[in-house]
Amino acid sequence: MVDIYKERSIYVVNMAIVEIAETTFNGVANRTICVEHTDPENVINTVPELGLEGFQNISYISAMKSTVGMG
């Protein structure tokens, strides 16, 4: 079992939903950022505008597992 806390802020950038979340998994702090839109091209164009192109795109579950040593 993993203790999870998540506090999120939601913005709109280029008509895409951008969620920035401060999380803790078993007390270990993390920040996640998600860019969502129905048009993948919009997401592809928005990511570099936010300076996120150098970060790996991983799932929330994968990040949690990696943080707590499960994966």
C-alpha atoms as a PDB file:
ATOM      1  CA  MET A   1       0.000   0.000   0.000  1.00  0.00           C
ATOM      2  CA  VAL A   2       1.248   3.505  -0.865  1.00  0.00           C
ATOM      3  CA  ASP A   3       0.282   6.662   1.008  1.00  0.00           C
ATOM      4  CA  ILE A   4      -0.516   9.311  -1.636  1.00  0.00           C
ATOM      5  CA  TYR A   5      -1.180  13.024  -1.319  1.00  0.00           C
ATOM      6  CA  LYS A   6      -1.927  15.224  -4.342  1.00  0.00           C
ATOM      7  CA  GLU A   7      -2.560  18.960  -4.579  1.00  0.00           C
ATOM      8  CA  ARG A   8      -3.151  20.246  -8.079  1.00  0.00           C
ATOM      9  CA  SER A   9      -3.498  23.499  -9.964  1.00  0.00           C
ATOM     10  CA  ILE A  10      -5.130  23.612 -13.379  1.00  0.00           C
ATOM     11  CA  TYR A  11      -4.433  26.159 -16.124  1.00  0.00           C
ATOM     12  CA  VAL A  12      -5.361  26.599 -19.773  1.00  0.00           C
ATOM     13  CA  VAL A  13      -2.483  27.170 -22.216  1.00  0.00           C
ATOM     14  CA  ASN A  14      -3.098  27.172 -25.990  1.00  0.00           C
ATOM     15  CA  MET A  15      -6.593  25.842 -25.240  1.00  0.00           C
ATOM     16  CA  ALA A  16      -4.988  22.768 -23.618  1.00  0.00           C
ATOM     17  CA  ILE A  17      -5.530  21.789 -20.000  1.00  0.00           C
ATOM     18  CA  VAL A  18      -2.277  21.954 -18.045  1.00  0.00           C
ATOM     19  CA  GLU A  19      -2.278  20.332 -14.620  1.00  0.00           C
ATOM     20  CA  ILE A  20       0.600  20.895 -12.221  1.00  0.00           C
ATOM     21  CA  ALA A  21       0.433  18.612  -9.200  1.00  0.00           C
ATOM     22  CA  GLU A  22       2.494  18.554  -6.043  1.00  0.00           C
ATOM     23  CA  THR A  23       2.418  14.965  -4.817  1.00  0.00           C
ATOM     24  CA  THR A  24       3.901  12.800  -2.140  1.00  0.00           C
ATOM     25  CA  PHE A  25       4.239   9.040  -2.366  1.00  0.00           C
ATOM     26  CA  ASN A  26       5.013   7.602   1.077  1.00  0.00           C
ATOM     27  CA  GLY A  27       6.219  11.073   2.087  1.00  0.00           C
ATOM     28  CA  VAL A  28       8.564  11.575  -0.897  1.00  0.00           C
ATOM     29  CA  ALA A  29       7.755  14.837  -2.697  1.00  0.00           C
ATOM     30  CA  ASN A  30       7.278  14.970  -6.482  1.00  0.00           C
ATOM     31  CA  ARG A  31       5.921  17.431  -9.017  1.00  0.00           C
ATOM     32  CA  THR A  32       3.960  16.229 -12.031  1.00  0.00           C
ATOM     33  CA  ILE A  33       2.860  18.206 -15.060  1.00  0.00           C
ATOM     34  CA  CYS A  34       0.265  17.056 -17.554  1.00  0.00           C
ATOM     35  CA  VAL A  35      -0.778  18.664 -20.855  1.00  0.00           C
ATOM     36  CA  GLU A  36      -4.101  17.447 -22.280  1.00  0.00           C
ATOM     37  CA  HIS A  37      -6.033  18.255 -25.439  1.00  0.00           C
ATOM     38  CA  THR A  38      -8.092  16.278 -27.955  1.00  0.00           C
ATOM     39  CA  ASP A  39      -5.678  17.327 -30.715  1.00  0.00           C
ATOM     40  CA  PRO A  40      -2.279  15.623 -30.193  1.00  0.00           C
ATOM     41  CA  GLU A  41      -0.613  18.294 -32.342  1.00  0.00           C
ATOM     42  CA  ASN A  42      -1.691  20.932 -29.825  1.00  0.00           C
ATOM     43  CA  VAL A  43      -0.053  18.949 -27.013  1.00  0.00           C
ATOM     44  CA  ILE A  44       3.117  18.444 -29.074  1.00  0.00           C
ATOM     45  CA  ASN A  45       3.321  22.208 -29.711  1.00  0.00           C
ATOM     46  CA  THR A  46       2.475  23.248 -26.142  1.00  0.00           C
ATOM     47  CA  VAL A  47       5.031  21.042 -24.356  1.00  0.00           C
ATOM     48  CA  PRO A  48       8.124  22.970 -25.628  1.00  0.00           C
ATOM     49  CA  GLU A  49       6.411  26.313 -24.977  1.00  0.00           C
ATOM     50  CA  LEU A  50       6.265  25.274 -21.326  1.00  0.00           C
ATOM     51  CA  GLY A  51       9.932  24.210 -21.346  1.00  0.00           C
ATOM     52  CA  LEU A  52       9.056  20.549 -20.759  1.00  0.00           C
ATOM     53  CA  GLU A  53      10.633  18.929 -23.812  1.00  0.00           C
ATOM     54  CA  GLY A  54      13.634  17.683 -21.821  1.00  0.00           C
ATOM     55  CA  PHE A  55      11.537  15.652 -19.389  1.00  0.00           C
ATOM     56  CA  GLN A  56      10.574  12.016 -19.783  1.00  0.00           C
ATOM     57  CA  ASN A  57       6.876  11.314 -20.424  1.00  0.00           C
ATOM     58  CA  ILE A  58       5.891   8.659 -17.871  1.00  0.00           C
ATOM     59  CA  SER A  59       2.605   7.584 -16.361  1.00  0.00           C
ATOM     60  CA  TYR A  60       1.525   8.654 -12.891  1.00  0.00           C
ATOM     61  CA  ILE A  61       1.553   5.010 -11.750  1.00  0.00           C
ATOM     62  CA  SER A  62       5.096   4.479 -13.085  1.00  0.00           C
ATOM     63  CA  ALA A  63       6.293   7.602 -11.253  1.00  0.00           C
ATOM     64  CA  MET A  64       4.691   6.376  -8.037  1.00  0.00           C
ATOM     65  CA  LYS A  65       6.202   2.885  -8.352  1.00  0.00           C
ATOM     66  CA  SER A  66       9.660   4.286  -9.108  1.00  0.00           C
ATOM     67  CA  THR A  67       9.495   6.686  -6.149  1.00  0.00           C
ATOM     68  CA  VAL A  68       8.599   3.993  -3.617  1.00  0.00           C
ATOM     69  CA  GLY A  69      10.896   1.309  -5.078  1.00  0.00           C
ATOM     70  CA  MET A  70       8.225  -0.879  -6.666  1.00  0.00           C
ATOM     71  CA  GLY A  71       9.346  -0.634 -10.272  1.00  0.00           C
END
